[in-house]
Every structure is written in structure tokens, then in C-alpha cells.
Amino acid sequence: MAIGARKAFNELGEGDRAKWMRIPITGCDGMPKTGQAWVKNGTLAATIFIRPNTDLAIEMLVESFKNSAPLPENRVTAPESVPSLPELAAAGRKLASAAKA
């Protein structure tokens, strides 16, 4: 959706386009070949990456078999910000300083 929004803003008239394209656009597709690549090339300001969790599911299943215990109902997988939150904060401060100048 973030890329769709960016494309829509890019299709606006010249005056409106410049205003909307200054807004940092963030996404939620943090896969290396898409979301992270878009962050690296400047198409997106940031994205969220949730590591694949197949290994976690297998570990949970093995532990359940080993201990004859029921599988937990859920397990939390922590998302990661790309770029990191400190990097985003620094970029925000830089933008704010540039806007004041």
C-alpha cells in the first residue's frame, strides 16, 4: 500500500506532487528484496521486518513432543524497524533542522 500511495502522489500535478512527495512514506513489507530495498533506494522512509518464524514453530513442536506438553496457544515474534529506531530519530532531527533553516 505504501508503494501504491507513493505512485499516486507521483501522478499528481507538479505543485501538489512536490508537497506530497516530501512526506516520509513508511511500509510494512520488510522483506529484503522489496521493503528493505525500497528503504535503501529512498522510495520508502522506513519499513517493518518480522523475521520468518518457521524455526520457532518447529522448536515449539519439538519441545512439546519432548515434554509431552501441549503446544502454547501463541508466541510473540518481535518486529524490527528498518532503519533502526535510533537511525529514524536521527533522520527526523535532521529533517526538523533543515525545515527550520
Protein backbone atom coordinates (compact mmCIF):
# COMPACT_ATOMS: atom_id res chain seq x y z
CA MET A 1 0.00 0.00 0.00
CA ALA A 2 2.88 2.35 0.73
CA ILE A 3 4.25 1.94 -2.79
CA GLY A 4 0.74 2.50 -4.18
CA ALA A 5 0.45 5.74 -2.21
CA ARG A 6 3.85 6.85 -3.46
CA LYS A 7 2.83 6.12 -7.07
CA ALA A 8 -0.44 8.02 -6.60
CA PHE A 9 1.41 11.06 -5.20
CA ASN A 10 3.85 10.88 -8.09
CA GLU A 11 0.96 11.15 -10.57
CA LEU A 12 -0.35 14.43 -9.10
CA GLY A 13 0.15 17.76 -10.78
CA GLU A 14 3.55 19.39 -10.39
CA GLY A 15 2.66 21.72 -7.48
CA ASP A 16 0.78 19.12 -5.44
CA ARG A 17 3.31 16.38 -6.21
CA ALA A 18 6.22 18.24 -4.60
CA LYS A 19 4.19 18.84 -1.42
CA TRP A 20 3.08 15.21 -1.05
CA MET A 21 6.40 13.65 -2.06
CA ARG A 22 8.12 15.40 0.89
CA ILE A 23 6.09 13.31 3.33
CA PRO A 24 8.08 10.29 4.56
CA ILE A 25 6.23 7.16 3.49
CA THR A 26 6.56 4.01 5.57
CA GLY A 27 5.61 0.45 4.74
CA CYS A 28 5.14 -2.90 6.40
CA ASP A 29 6.79 -5.20 3.83
CA GLY A 30 10.25 -5.52 5.33
CA MET A 31 11.40 -8.40 3.17
CA PRO A 32 14.98 -7.92 1.94
CA LYS A 33 14.17 -7.82 -1.81
CA THR A 34 11.17 -5.50 -1.51
CA GLY A 35 10.59 -3.33 1.56
CA GLN A 36 14.22 -3.17 2.68
CA ALA A 37 15.36 -2.50 -0.90
CA TRP A 38 12.83 0.35 -1.16
CA VAL A 39 14.21 1.86 2.05
CA LYS A 40 17.78 1.58 0.74
CA ASN A 41 16.92 3.30 -2.55
CA GLY A 42 14.87 6.04 -0.85
CA THR A 43 11.43 5.01 -2.14
CA LEU A 44 10.29 4.42 1.45
CA ALA A 45 11.47 6.14 4.61
CA ALA A 46 11.09 3.00 6.74
CA THR A 47 9.51 -0.42 6.94
CA ILE A 48 8.86 -3.17 9.47
CA PHE A 49 10.52 -6.57 9.26
CA ILE A 50 9.29 -9.66 11.09
CA ARG A 51 11.75 -12.49 10.84
CA PRO A 52 10.47 -15.77 9.38
CA ASN A 53 9.17 -17.90 12.22
CA THR A 54 9.22 -21.43 10.83
CA ASP A 55 12.20 -22.28 13.04
CA LEU A 56 10.30 -21.03 16.09
CA ALA A 57 7.28 -23.19 15.21
CA ILE A 58 9.48 -26.28 14.80
CA GLU A 59 11.23 -25.57 18.13
CA MET A 60 7.84 -25.26 19.83
CA LEU A 61 6.68 -28.56 18.31
CA VAL A 62 9.87 -30.40 19.33
CA GLU A 63 9.63 -29.08 22.91
CA SER A 64 6.02 -30.18 23.05
CA PHE A 65 6.93 -33.71 21.93
CA LYS A 66 9.93 -33.91 24.27
CA ASN A 67 7.99 -32.80 27.33
CA SER A 68 4.62 -34.33 26.40
CA ALA A 69 3.20 -30.87 26.93
CA PRO A 70 0.53 -29.07 24.93
CA LEU A 71 1.68 -26.50 22.43
CA PRO A 72 1.42 -22.91 23.61
CA GLU A 73 -1.53 -21.08 22.11
CA ASN A 74 0.68 -18.28 20.85
CA ARG A 75 4.21 -16.93 20.75
CA VAL A 76 5.19 -13.32 20.20
CA THR A 77 7.60 -12.50 17.40
CA ALA A 78 9.14 -9.05 17.77
CA PRO A 79 9.11 -6.80 14.70
CA GLU A 80 12.20 -4.82 13.74
CA SER A 81 12.28 -1.31 12.33
CA VAL A 82 14.26 -0.78 9.11
CA PRO A 83 16.12 1.51 9.55
CA SER A 84 16.51 1.15 13.31
CA LEU A 85 14.59 3.47 15.64
CA PRO A 86 17.75 5.44 16.58
CA GLU A 87 18.50 5.94 12.88
CA LEU A 88 14.94 7.14 12.25
CA ALA A 89 15.16 9.54 15.20
CA ALA A 90 18.41 10.99 13.83
CA ALA A 91 16.85 11.39 10.38
CA GLY A 92 13.83 13.13 11.93
CA ARG A 93 16.06 15.57 13.79
CA LYS A 94 17.94 16.28 10.58
CA LEU A 95 14.69 16.98 8.70
CA ALA A 96 13.45 19.22 11.51
CA SER A 97 16.72 21.20 11.47
CA ALA A 98 16.54 21.59 7.70
CA ALA A 99 12.92 22.80 7.92
CA LYS A 100 13.91 25.49 10.43
CA ALA A 101 16.72 26.78 8.22
